[in-house]
Protein backbone atom coordinates (compact mmCIF):
# COMPACT_ATOMS: atom_id res chain seq x y z
CA UNK A 1 0.00 0.00 0.00
CA UNK A 2 1.36 3.40 -0.96
CA UNK A 3 2.02 6.14 1.56
CA UNK A 4 -0.79 8.39 0.25
CA UNK A 5 -3.24 5.49 0.57
CA UNK A 6 -2.08 4.83 4.16
CA UNK A 7 -2.62 8.51 4.97
CA UNK A 8 -6.11 8.29 3.56
CA UNK A 9 -6.88 5.19 5.65
CA UNK A 10 -5.67 6.94 8.79
CA UNK A 11 -7.86 9.95 8.07
CA UNK A 12 -10.77 7.64 7.23
CA UNK A 13 -10.37 5.80 10.57
CA UNK A 14 -10.52 9.06 12.46
CA UNK A 15 -13.47 10.22 10.40
CA UNK A 16 -15.45 7.14 11.46
CA UNK A 17 -15.50 8.65 14.94
CA UNK A 18 -15.81 12.18 13.59
CA UNK A 19 -12.46 13.18 15.06
CA UNK A 20 -9.78 15.55 13.84
CA UNK A 21 -6.18 14.35 14.40
CA UNK A 22 -4.81 17.67 15.65
CA UNK A 23 -7.91 18.30 17.75
CA UNK A 24 -7.62 14.84 19.30
CA UNK A 25 -3.94 15.33 20.15
CA UNK A 26 -4.59 18.68 21.83
CA UNK A 27 -7.58 17.15 23.64
CA UNK A 28 -5.37 14.36 25.02
CA UNK A 29 -2.82 16.88 26.29
CA UNK A 30 -5.56 18.98 27.90
CA UNK A 31 -7.09 15.87 29.47
CA UNK A 32 -3.71 14.81 30.85
CA UNK A 33 -2.95 18.27 32.22
CA UNK A 34 -6.36 18.42 33.89
CA UNK A 35 -5.42 15.35 35.95
CA UNK A 36 -2.53 17.26 37.51
CA UNK A 37 -3.05 18.58 41.05
CA UNK A 38 -4.78 21.86 41.71
CA UNK A 39 -5.65 23.59 45.00
CA UNK A 40 -8.47 21.39 46.33
CA UNK A 41 -8.51 17.55 46.32
CA UNK A 42 -11.09 16.11 43.94
CA UNK A 43 -13.21 12.98 43.96
CA UNK A 44 -12.87 10.79 40.86
CA UNK A 45 -16.28 11.72 39.45
CA UNK A 46 -15.66 15.45 39.87
CA UNK A 47 -12.28 14.98 38.23
CA UNK A 48 -14.04 13.24 35.36
CA UNK A 49 -16.29 16.25 34.89
CA UNK A 50 -13.34 18.66 34.89
CA UNK A 51 -11.29 16.49 32.54
CA UNK A 52 -14.18 16.01 30.13
CA UNK A 53 -14.80 19.74 29.87
CA UNK A 54 -11.12 20.63 29.48
CA UNK A 55 -10.65 17.79 26.98
CA UNK A 56 -13.40 19.03 24.70
CA UNK A 57 -12.05 22.58 25.04
CA UNK A 58 -8.67 21.30 23.92
CA UNK A 59 -10.26 19.50 20.99
CA UNK A 60 -11.98 22.68 19.86
CA UNK A 61 -8.76 24.66 20.14
CA UNK A 62 -6.88 22.02 18.15
CA UNK A 63 -9.47 22.06 15.37
CA UNK A 64 -9.38 25.85 15.21
CA UNK A 65 -5.59 25.86 15.00
CA UNK A 66 -5.48 23.10 12.40
CA UNK A 67 -8.02 24.59 10.00
CA UNK A 68 -6.05 27.68 8.87
CA UNK A 69 -2.81 25.69 8.91
CA UNK A 70 -4.21 23.07 6.53
CA UNK A 71 -6.04 25.52 4.32
CA UNK A 72 -3.52 28.30 3.85
CA UNK A 73 -0.15 27.35 5.32
CA UNK A 74 0.40 23.67 4.48
CA UNK A 75 -0.22 24.05 0.71
CA UNK A 76 2.75 26.42 0.54
CA UNK A 77 5.08 23.67 1.73
CA UNK A 78 4.78 21.15 -1.09
CA UNK A 79 7.88 19.29 0.07
CA UNK A 80 6.07 18.45 3.32
CA UNK A 81 3.02 17.24 1.41
CA UNK A 82 5.18 14.93 -0.67
CA UNK A 83 7.11 13.35 2.21
CA UNK A 84 4.41 11.03 3.47
CA UNK A 85 6.79 8.82 5.44
CA UNK A 86 8.19 11.79 7.34
CA UNK A 87 4.69 13.04 8.07
CA UNK A 88 3.64 9.66 9.40
CA UNK A 89 6.69 9.53 11.67
CA UNK A 90 6.07 13.05 12.99
CA UNK A 91 2.38 12.41 13.54
CA UNK A 92 3.19 9.11 15.20
CA UNK A 93 5.66 10.74 17.57
CA UNK A 94 3.17 13.46 18.44
CA UNK A 95 0.41 10.91 19.01
CA UNK A 96 2.69 8.75 21.17
CA UNK A 97 3.71 11.81 23.20
CA UNK A 98 0.06 12.68 23.81
CA UNK A 99 -0.89 9.12 24.73
CA UNK A 100 2.22 8.78 26.90
CA UNK A 101 1.45 12.01 28.71
CA UNK A 102 -2.10 10.81 29.27
CA UNK A 103 -0.97 7.42 30.56
CA UNK A 104 1.55 8.99 32.90
CA UNK A 105 -1.01 11.45 34.20
CA UNK A 106 -3.50 8.66 34.89
CA UNK A 107 -0.77 6.71 36.66
CA UNK A 108 0.16 9.61 38.93
CA UNK A 109 -3.31 11.17 39.32
CA UNK A 110 -4.11 9.45 42.61
CA UNK A 111 -0.64 10.18 44.02
CA UNK A 112 -1.03 13.86 43.12
CA UNK A 113 -4.41 14.00 44.82
CA UNK A 114 -3.00 12.25 47.87
CA UNK A 115 -0.27 14.89 48.12
CA UNK A 116 -2.98 17.53 48.59
CA UNK A 117 -4.96 15.31 50.93
CA UNK A 118 -1.89 14.75 53.10
CA UNK A 119 -1.31 18.51 53.36
CA UNK A 120 -4.89 18.94 54.54
CA UNK A 121 -5.13 15.86 56.74
CA UNK A 122 -7.72 14.14 54.54
CA UNK A 123 -8.00 10.38 54.03
CA UNK A 124 -6.12 9.25 50.93
CA UNK A 125 -7.69 7.78 47.79
CA UNK A 126 -6.69 4.86 45.55
CA UNK A 127 -5.39 4.73 42.02
CA UNK A 128 -8.26 2.47 40.92
CA UNK A 129 -10.77 5.20 41.71
CA UNK A 130 -9.11 7.53 39.25
CA UNK A 131 -9.24 5.00 36.45
CA UNK A 132 -13.00 5.53 36.46
CA UNK A 133 -12.38 9.20 35.77
CA UNK A 134 -11.78 8.40 32.11
CA UNK A 135 -15.27 6.93 31.66
CA UNK A 136 -16.93 10.09 32.94
CA UNK A 137 -14.62 12.26 30.84
CA UNK A 138 -15.29 10.30 27.63
CA UNK A 139 -19.05 10.53 28.17
CA UNK A 140 -18.86 14.30 28.59
CA UNK A 141 -16.46 14.64 25.66
CA UNK A 142 -18.74 12.69 23.32
CA UNK A 143 -21.89 14.49 24.44
CA UNK A 144 -20.41 17.96 23.95
CA UNK A 145 -18.75 16.94 20.68
CA UNK A 146 -22.03 15.84 19.15
CA UNK A 147 -23.79 18.97 20.33
CA UNK A 148 -21.03 21.00 18.64
CA UNK A 149 -21.38 18.93 15.49
CA UNK A 150 -25.09 19.61 15.53
CA UNK A 151 -24.38 23.32 15.68
CA UNK A 152 -21.92 22.99 12.78
CA UNK A 153 -24.49 21.05 10.73
CA UNK A 154 -27.03 23.79 11.40
CA UNK A 155 -24.53 26.38 10.22
CA UNK A 156 -23.91 24.54 6.96
CA UNK A 157 -27.61 24.10 6.27
CA UNK A 158 -28.20 27.77 7.00
CA UNK A 159 -25.43 28.74 4.59
CA UNK A 160 -27.01 26.55 1.91
CA UNK A 161 -30.34 28.24 2.58
CA UNK A 162 -28.78 31.69 2.17
CA UNK A 163 -27.12 30.65 -1.07
CA UNK A 164 -30.04 28.79 -2.66
CA UNK A 165 -33.07 30.75 -1.48
CA UNK A 166 -31.76 34.25 -0.92
CA UNK A 167 -29.23 34.16 -3.75
CA UNK A 168 -26.34 35.10 -1.50
CA UNK A 169 -22.99 34.20 -3.11
CA UNK A 170 -21.75 30.87 -1.76
CA UNK A 171 -18.54 32.29 -0.29
CA UNK A 172 -20.42 35.12 1.40
CA UNK A 173 -23.10 32.71 2.64
CA UNK A 174 -20.51 30.58 4.44
CA UNK A 175 -19.17 33.70 6.11
CA UNK A 176 -22.55 35.21 6.96
CA UNK A 177 -24.11 32.02 8.30
CA UNK A 178 -21.81 31.56 11.32
CA UNK A 179 -21.84 35.32 12.00
CA UNK A 180 -25.65 35.46 12.02
CA UNK A 181 -25.94 32.30 14.11
CA UNK A 182 -23.32 33.55 16.56
CA UNK A 183 -25.11 36.86 17.01
CA UNK A 184 -28.41 35.03 17.43
CA UNK A 185 -26.83 32.70 19.98
CA UNK A 186 -25.33 35.60 21.95
CA UNK A 187 -28.66 37.43 21.98
CA UNK A 188 -30.46 34.22 22.97
CA UNK A 189 -28.02 33.48 25.79
CA UNK A 190 -28.00 37.06 27.05
CA UNK A 191 -31.66 37.94 26.66
CA UNK A 192 -33.26 34.54 27.18
CA UNK A 193 -31.05 32.08 28.99
CA UNK A 194 -29.17 34.42 31.33
CA UNK A 195 -32.15 36.68 31.89
CA UNK A 196 -34.53 33.79 32.47
CA UNK A 197 -32.02 31.82 34.54
CA UNK A 198 -31.33 34.93 36.62
CA UNK A 199 -35.06 35.40 37.05
CA UNK A 200 -35.47 31.71 37.83
CA UNK A 201 -32.60 31.87 40.32
CA UNK A 202 -34.22 34.85 42.00
CA UNK A 203 -37.52 32.99 42.22
CA UNK A 204 -35.85 29.86 43.61
CA UNK A 205 -33.65 31.66 46.09
CA UNK A 206 -36.39 34.12 47.05
CA UNK A 207 -38.19 31.19 48.64
CA UNK A 208 -34.99 30.28 50.45
CA UNK A 209 -34.58 33.89 51.58
CA UNK A 210 -38.09 33.84 53.03
CA UNK A 211 -37.40 30.70 55.06
CA UNK A 212 -35.96 30.50 58.57
CA UNK A 213 -33.29 28.06 59.67
CA UNK A 214 -34.30 25.43 62.23
CA UNK A 215 -33.83 26.62 65.79
CA UNK A 216 -33.71 30.30 64.83
CA UNK A 217 -36.22 32.34 66.83
CA UNK A 218 -37.12 36.01 66.88
CA UNK A 219 -34.98 37.86 69.45
CA UNK A 220 -36.86 39.62 72.24
CA UNK A 221 -34.08 41.88 73.51
CA UNK A 222 -34.17 45.45 72.13
CA UNK A 223 -30.46 45.30 71.17
CA UNK A 224 -31.32 43.20 68.11
CA UNK A 225 -32.93 44.10 64.81
CA UNK A 226 -36.08 42.07 64.25
CA UNK A 227 -37.07 42.30 67.91
CA UNK A 228 -40.43 43.77 68.93
CA UNK A 229 -38.63 47.06 69.69
CA UNK A 230 -36.98 47.25 66.27
CA UNK A 231 -38.09 49.20 63.20
CA UNK A 232 -36.40 46.51 61.10
CA UNK A 233 -39.08 43.83 61.13
CA UNK A 234 -38.33 40.14 61.63
CA UNK A 235 -40.00 39.27 58.33
CA UNK A 236 -37.91 41.76 56.32
CA UNK A 237 -34.53 40.44 57.43
CA UNK A 238 -34.28 37.43 55.12
CA UNK A 239 -33.03 33.99 56.15
CA UNK A 240 -29.42 35.02 56.76
CA UNK A 241 -30.42 38.23 58.52
CA UNK A 242 -32.69 36.32 60.90
CA UNK A 243 -29.93 33.84 61.65
CA UNK A 244 -27.48 36.69 62.29
CA UNK A 245 -29.61 38.70 64.72
CA UNK A 246 -30.75 35.58 66.58
CA UNK A 247 -27.24 34.20 67.00
CA UNK A 248 -24.41 34.60 69.45
CA UNK A 249 -24.16 34.58 73.24
CA UNK A 250 -26.35 36.77 75.38
CA UNK A 251 -25.10 38.92 78.26
CA UNK A 252 -25.54 36.16 80.82
CA UNK A 253 -23.51 33.66 78.78
CA UNK A 254 -20.77 36.21 78.12
CA UNK A 255 -20.58 37.04 81.82
CA UNK A 256 -20.01 33.38 82.58
CA UNK A 257 -17.46 33.01 79.77
CA UNK A 258 -15.34 36.02 80.73
CA UNK A 259 -16.06 35.97 84.45
CA UNK A 260 -17.02 39.67 84.31
CA UNK A 261 -20.32 41.55 83.94
CA UNK A 262 -21.22 41.71 80.24
CA UNK A 263 -23.50 43.87 78.10
CA UNK A 264 -26.07 42.54 75.68
CA UNK A 265 -24.34 42.60 72.27
CA UNK A 266 -25.94 44.79 69.60
CA UNK A 267 -26.64 43.35 66.16
CA UNK A 268 -28.44 45.49 63.58
CA UNK A 269 -29.36 44.37 60.08
CA UNK A 270 -31.35 45.62 57.09
CA UNK A 271 -32.74 43.02 54.71
CA UNK A 272 -33.57 43.51 51.05
CA UNK A 273 -37.27 43.66 51.81
CA UNK A 274 -36.85 46.35 54.47
CA UNK A 275 -36.89 49.25 51.98
CA UNK A 276 -36.89 49.96 48.27
CA UNK A 277 -33.40 51.45 47.92
CA UNK A 278 -29.93 50.94 49.36
CA UNK A 279 -30.06 54.48 50.74
CA UNK A 280 -33.24 53.66 52.66
CA UNK A 281 -31.64 50.47 53.99
CA UNK A 282 -28.64 52.46 55.20
CA UNK A 283 -30.93 54.97 56.90
CA UNK A 284 -32.70 52.09 58.63
CA UNK A 285 -29.32 50.83 59.86
CA UNK A 286 -28.44 54.28 61.19
CA UNK A 287 -31.82 54.53 62.93
CA UNK A 288 -31.21 51.13 64.51
CA UNK A 289 -27.75 52.19 65.68
CA UNK A 290 -29.34 55.30 67.23
CA UNK A 291 -32.14 53.32 68.85
CA UNK A 292 -29.81 50.73 70.40
CA UNK A 293 -27.28 53.41 71.47
CA UNK A 294 -24.59 51.56 69.55
CA UNK A 295 -22.49 54.75 69.42
CA UNK A 296 -21.88 54.32 73.14
CA UNK A 297 -20.33 50.88 72.78
CA UNK A 298 -16.58 50.22 72.84
CA UNK A 299 -16.41 48.88 69.29
CA UNK A 300 -18.64 49.17 66.22
CA UNK A 301 -18.12 46.65 63.41
CA UNK A 302 -19.50 47.33 59.94
CA UNK A 303 -19.62 43.99 58.14
CA UNK A 304 -19.82 43.29 54.44
CA UNK A 305 -22.04 40.33 53.62
CA UNK A 306 -21.79 37.58 51.04
CA UNK A 307 -24.31 37.13 48.23
CA UNK A 308 -27.02 35.63 50.43
CA UNK A 309 -26.54 38.27 53.12
CA UNK A 310 -24.48 35.93 55.31
CA UNK A 311 -22.21 37.13 58.09
CA UNK A 312 -19.83 34.46 59.40
CA UNK A 313 -21.09 33.64 62.92
CA UNK A 314 -17.53 32.91 64.03
CA UNK A 315 -16.53 36.47 63.17
CA UNK A 316 -19.53 37.99 64.93
CA UNK A 317 -19.23 35.75 68.01
CA UNK A 318 -15.48 36.35 68.28
CA UNK A 319 -15.70 40.13 68.52
CA UNK A 320 -18.54 39.93 71.03
CA UNK A 321 -16.60 37.49 73.19
CA UNK A 322 -13.46 39.62 73.06
CA UNK A 323 -15.36 42.78 74.03
CA UNK A 324 -17.66 40.97 76.48
CA UNK A 325 -20.76 42.26 74.71
CA UNK A 326 -19.63 45.91 74.70
CA UNK A 327 -19.97 45.85 70.93
CA UNK A 328 -22.25 46.53 67.98
CA UNK A 329 -22.28 44.91 64.53
CA UNK A 330 -24.10 46.36 61.52
CA UNK A 331 -24.71 44.60 58.21
CA UNK A 332 -26.84 45.06 55.11
CA UNK A 333 -28.23 42.60 52.56
CA UNK A 334 -27.84 43.46 48.86
CA UNK A 335 -28.82 40.09 47.38
CA UNK A 336 -30.20 36.69 48.29
CA UNK A 337 -28.36 34.77 45.57
CA UNK A 338 -25.40 32.49 46.36
CA UNK A 339 -22.11 34.37 46.13
CA UNK A 340 -21.00 32.80 42.83
CA UNK A 341 -24.27 33.86 41.15
CA UNK A 342 -24.29 37.21 42.92
CA UNK A 343 -20.74 37.80 41.71
CA UNK A 344 -21.97 37.48 38.11
CA UNK A 345 -25.25 39.41 38.29
CA UNK A 346 -25.09 41.49 41.48
CA UNK A 347 -21.43 42.53 41.68
CA UNK A 348 -22.25 46.21 41.38
CA UNK A 349 -24.91 45.87 44.07
CA UNK A 350 -22.37 44.40 46.49
CA UNK A 351 -20.00 47.32 45.98
CA UNK A 352 -22.78 49.91 46.15
CA UNK A 353 -24.13 48.46 49.39
CA UNK A 354 -20.73 48.34 51.07
CA UNK A 355 -19.86 51.85 49.93
CA UNK A 356 -23.18 53.30 51.09
CA UNK A 357 -23.23 51.53 54.46
CA UNK A 358 -19.64 52.17 55.50
CA UNK A 359 -19.62 55.79 54.40
CA UNK A 360 -23.04 56.37 55.95
CA UNK A 361 -21.91 54.97 59.28
CA UNK A 362 -18.59 56.83 59.07
CA UNK A 363 -20.32 60.15 58.41
CA UNK A 364 -22.53 59.74 61.50
CA UNK A 365 -19.64 58.41 63.61
CA UNK A 366 -17.35 61.29 62.64
CA UNK A 367 -19.77 63.79 64.18
CA UNK A 368 -19.16 62.38 67.63
CA UNK A 369 -16.45 63.81 69.88
CA UNK A 370 -13.24 61.84 69.34
CA UNK A 371 -13.07 60.73 72.97
CA UNK A 372 -16.66 59.43 72.85
CA UNK A 373 -16.53 57.41 69.65
CA UNK A 374 -16.46 53.62 69.54
CA UNK A 375 -13.67 51.95 67.61
CA UNK A 376 -14.91 51.84 64.01
CA UNK A 377 -13.85 48.57 62.41
CA UNK A 378 -14.62 47.02 59.01
CA UNK A 379 -14.98 43.30 58.35
CA UNK A 380 -15.61 41.33 55.18
CA UNK A 381 -15.32 37.71 54.12
CA UNK A 382 -15.24 36.41 50.56
CA UNK A 383 -17.62 38.57 48.46
CA UNK A 384 -18.28 40.52 51.67
CA UNK A 385 -14.68 41.73 51.59
CA UNK A 386 -15.24 43.08 48.09
CA UNK A 387 -18.35 44.87 49.30
CA UNK A 388 -16.46 46.40 52.24
CA UNK A 389 -13.39 47.37 50.20
CA UNK A 390 -15.57 49.35 47.79
CA UNK A 391 -15.96 52.13 50.36
CA UNK A 392 -12.28 53.11 50.09
CA UNK A 393 -10.23 54.55 47.26
CA UNK A 394 -6.96 53.12 48.53
CA UNK A 395 -5.28 51.91 51.70
CA UNK A 396 -4.48 55.46 52.82
CA UNK A 397 -8.13 56.43 52.47
CA UNK A 398 -9.14 53.38 54.50
CA UNK A 399 -6.75 54.14 57.33
CA UNK A 400 -7.96 57.73 57.63
CA UNK A 401 -11.60 56.62 58.07
CA UNK A 402 -11.51 53.57 60.35
CA UNK A 403 -9.64 52.10 63.30
CA UNK A 404 -9.00 48.60 61.91
CA UNK A 405 -10.00 46.20 59.13
CA UNK A 406 -10.12 42.42 58.86
CA UNK A 407 -10.66 40.84 55.43
CA UNK A 408 -10.98 37.08 55.01
CA UNK A 409 -10.55 35.04 51.81
CA UNK A 410 -10.69 38.04 49.45
CA UNK A 411 -11.70 37.27 45.84
CA UNK A 412 -8.95 37.77 43.27
CA UNK A 413 -11.02 40.53 41.66
CA UNK A 414 -10.90 42.76 44.76
CA UNK A 415 -9.41 45.99 43.45
CA UNK A 416 -7.84 47.22 46.69
CA UNK A 417 -6.40 43.82 47.55
CA UNK A 418 -5.06 43.48 44.00
CA UNK A 419 -3.38 46.87 44.18
CA UNK A 420 -1.69 46.02 47.48
CA UNK A 421 -0.48 42.64 46.22
CA UNK A 422 0.80 44.09 42.95
CA UNK A 423 2.77 46.76 44.83
CA UNK A 424 4.18 44.41 47.45
CA UNK A 425 7.76 44.76 48.59
CA UNK A 426 10.35 43.37 46.19
CA UNK A 427 11.18 39.75 46.91
CA UNK A 428 8.06 39.01 48.94
CA UNK A 429 5.82 36.21 47.58
CA UNK A 430 2.36 36.79 46.20
CA UNK A 431 0.94 34.05 48.38
CA UNK A 432 1.93 36.00 51.52
CA UNK A 433 3.05 39.46 50.43
CA UNK A 434 4.80 42.06 52.52
CA UNK A 435 3.56 45.59 51.86
CA UNK A 436 5.67 48.55 52.97
CA UNK A 437 7.43 46.40 55.58
CA UNK A 438 4.10 45.41 57.12
CA UNK A 439 3.81 48.72 58.92
CA UNK A 440 0.07 49.06 58.13
CA UNK A 441 -1.15 46.05 56.11
CA UNK A 442 -0.33 42.42 56.78
CA UNK A 443 -1.22 39.01 55.39
CA UNK A 444 -1.51 35.71 57.23
CA UNK A 445 -2.42 32.13 56.38
CA UNK A 446 -2.18 30.61 59.85
CA UNK A 447 -1.31 31.49 63.43
CA UNK A 448 2.41 31.15 62.80
CA UNK A 449 2.49 33.63 59.91
CA UNK A 450 0.24 35.96 61.89
CA UNK A 451 2.57 36.01 64.89
CA UNK A 452 5.99 35.75 63.25
CA UNK A 453 6.11 38.85 61.04
CA UNK A 454 8.68 41.18 62.63
CA UNK A 455 8.71 44.96 62.88
CA UNK A 456 6.16 47.53 64.04
CA UNK A 457 2.51 47.29 63.01
CA UNK A 458 0.99 50.71 63.41
CA UNK A 459 -2.64 51.55 64.01
CA UNK A 460 -4.99 51.52 62.18
CA UNK A 461 -4.15 47.91 61.33
CA UNK A 462 -5.38 46.11 58.22
CA UNK A 463 -5.17 42.32 57.99
CA UNK A 464 -5.91 39.92 55.13
CA UNK A 465 -6.33 36.22 55.88
CA UNK A 466 -5.68 34.05 52.82
CA UNK A 467 -4.74 30.41 52.36
CA UNK A 468 -2.39 29.21 49.65
CA UNK A 469 -5.11 26.65 48.84
CA UNK A 470 -8.06 29.06 48.62
CA UNK A 471 -9.31 29.11 45.00
CA UNK A 472 -11.45 32.20 45.68
CA UNK A 473 -8.25 34.16 46.32
CA UNK A 474 -6.30 32.85 43.33
CA UNK A 475 -8.80 32.36 40.51
CA UNK A 476 -8.88 35.10 37.88
CA UNK A 477 -8.92 35.60 34.09
CA UNK A 478 -5.13 36.04 34.00
CA UNK A 479 -4.83 32.30 34.65
CA UNK A 480 -6.00 31.64 31.09
CA UNK A 481 -2.79 32.62 29.32
CA UNK A 482 -0.30 33.74 31.95
CA UNK A 483 1.42 31.93 34.80
CA UNK A 484 0.80 33.95 37.97
CA UNK A 485 3.51 34.70 40.50
CA UNK A 486 1.93 32.42 43.12
CA UNK A 487 2.50 29.44 40.80
CA UNK A 488 6.02 30.50 39.85
CA UNK A 489 7.24 30.98 43.44
CA UNK A 490 7.69 28.32 46.15
CA UNK A 491 4.28 27.02 47.23
CA UNK A 492 2.46 28.08 50.37
CA UNK A 493 2.04 25.74 53.30
CA UNK A 494 -0.97 23.85 51.93
CA UNK A 495 -0.36 23.90 48.18
CA UNK A 496 1.45 20.94 46.69
CA UNK A 497 4.68 21.74 44.82
CA UNK A 498 3.49 19.35 42.10
CA UNK A 499 0.93 21.87 40.89
CA UNK A 500 1.90 23.38 37.54
CA UNK A 501 0.44 26.07 35.32
CA UNK A 502 -1.03 25.04 31.96
CA UNK A 503 -2.74 27.55 29.65
CA UNK A 504 -6.54 27.43 29.85
CA UNK A 505 -6.48 24.17 31.84
CA UNK A 506 -5.32 25.72 35.12
CA UNK A 507 -7.98 28.40 34.74
CA UNK A 508 -10.62 25.66 34.48
CA UNK A 509 -9.12 23.67 37.35
CA UNK A 510 -9.11 26.55 39.82
CA UNK A 511 -12.59 27.63 38.68
CA UNK A 512 -13.78 24.11 39.49
CA UNK A 513 -11.98 24.31 42.84
CA UNK A 514 -14.15 27.29 43.80
CA UNK A 515 -17.23 25.09 43.71
CA UNK A 516 -15.72 22.81 46.39
CA UNK A 517 -13.62 25.46 48.12
CA UNK A 518 -15.23 24.88 51.53
CA UNK A 519 -14.96 21.08 51.43
CA UNK A 520 -11.46 20.79 53.01
CA UNK A 521 -11.03 20.89 56.79
CA UNK A 522 -10.86 24.18 58.66
CA UNK A 523 -7.56 25.94 58.02
CA UNK A 524 -7.54 25.08 54.31
CA UNK A 525 -9.34 26.15 51.17
CA UNK A 526 -11.98 28.79 51.87
CA UNK A 527 -12.35 27.88 55.57
CA UNK A 528 -10.89 30.38 58.05
CA UNK A 529 -12.89 29.77 61.23
CA UNK A 530 -9.84 28.69 63.25
CA UNK A 531 -7.92 31.88 62.43
CA UNK A 532 -10.65 34.55 62.65
CA UNK A 533 -10.56 35.10 66.45
CA UNK A 534 -6.78 35.51 66.27
CA UNK A 535 -7.23 37.94 63.40
CA UNK A 536 -9.60 40.04 65.49
CA UNK A 537 -7.21 40.00 68.42
CA UNK A 538 -4.41 41.15 66.12
CA UNK A 539 -6.16 44.16 64.54
CA UNK A 540 -8.59 45.29 67.26
CA UNK A 541 -7.50 43.91 70.64
CA UNK A 542 -9.24 44.96 73.81
CA UNK A 543 -7.07 46.71 76.40
CA UNK A 544 -5.08 44.12 78.34
CA UNK A 545 -6.03 41.30 75.97
CA UNK A 546 -3.53 38.42 75.77
CA UNK A 547 -2.86 35.39 73.59
CA UNK A 548 -4.17 33.18 76.39
CA UNK A 549 -7.46 35.10 76.26
CA UNK A 550 -7.73 34.51 72.51
CA UNK A 551 -7.03 30.81 72.96
CA UNK A 552 -9.77 30.66 75.59
CA UNK A 553 -12.18 32.35 73.17
CA UNK A 554 -11.15 30.01 70.34
CA UNK A 555 -11.86 26.98 72.55
CA UNK A 556 -15.28 28.40 73.44
CA UNK A 557 -16.04 28.97 69.75
CA UNK A 558 -15.06 25.38 68.95
CA UNK A 559 -17.49 24.09 71.55
CA UNK A 560 -20.21 26.52 70.53
CA UNK A 561 -20.05 25.66 66.82
CA UNK A 562 -19.07 22.00 67.10
CA UNK A 563 -22.28 20.89 65.41
CA UNK A 564 -22.14 23.40 62.54
CA UNK A 565 -21.51 22.19 59.01
């Protein structure tokens, strides 16, 4: 059989399965790279989903790259077209490299996952489990491939329709058809799918927002929003608002904990249904702070909330325990969607709410005599940190307005955080940057890094808590085509050194990690509960407060929240 005939048979074999050689090779590389370790350990079925999606993305990229090369570049190199034996050898080597990379990745996949599990103290997995990953990936690959082929078939038929019925020139028809279909698809996705899914999500999660968690009861003390004395009604608070105002220790429990007379902690909250506008919600918060005499407390915390309106109970309980109830916490709800949906459709609302609330409280607070003001402190976790950061133009602006700030697990898109990290001191790592010798802003991933940083830390103090394994902190669009500093430098304490950057694939891996970011044990991923009380003690300590006191509070928090998920 001649070389040209062998080439034709090879192409025919691939065509039986509807596969392009270059696309398949790139798909195999993408699949293999997707098996490499990321930030969060993955179960075999979740890995199969990730690998299937990245594999089909690689196939599409390979096809797109091959088309212009075959159509316009290859014909110019006639010598390459005539050397069939050389082409077969090259293609064989490339195919073997792809298959070899895939086989090696499958062989080491379980070991890579176990490296992450060991860092996080999670039970190890077996290699056999990851062999099943391929079945899930192939199913996803085939399903998406045939959907794409259906779209391509539709495009061809539409081009034929334009040429035969509307008398559009054939060449122009084949250009216009995909353009028209693409525009139609974009409009359909934007105006129908996204709009309807957003509406559907709001309907679904509105019901959730109107529910009340088991065991949560309306507070009766006047220091809480939603109480009979409050202008912020119980019904208007939303699920997370009701949980927030009903939570925490009361004065009697705090007195027993700290062995000293305690005050009833103040918690004020404005839900989405409280008023029509953010400005009206802020005014309600200010009225609640006036009513509860929050301005007379020792510390006033303004908290950013996540998409659902959630305030981490560990953060709220910690500050109340440290200050023995001589505290007030204010928060506002800007959405009832989960943070990842809220980030897409309500990002501007989060920033607007944080800006309005913090500046509204600051304006009222600044009218008080300096010696009669409470400490004004800002807190935000995850999307709540983005909401809280929005109130400040830069770090200097922040430090002129407040007495301390604690931000936990900040998203990579936080503008203030990004500016600080980008302007970190030369030689300091992105995973734990040093900014201006740590004199104002510091970063910590655990108790050791929080305590060990030398040099003065002047008031007002700003602290960011971020884990090397937190995908919320490290996922961003730059991952698509550029290796970030945190992957080029030595890894943090809970990121495996085996993690590598691959274009497009790493972006998909870390995006998938976000969906399971809270699955690792406390102290890893997007879980900071063990470090939050120490963070509070670092930025806003009570007079005479010691490390032993913080440890006592941390133990009490462990017992208090032992049954929480």
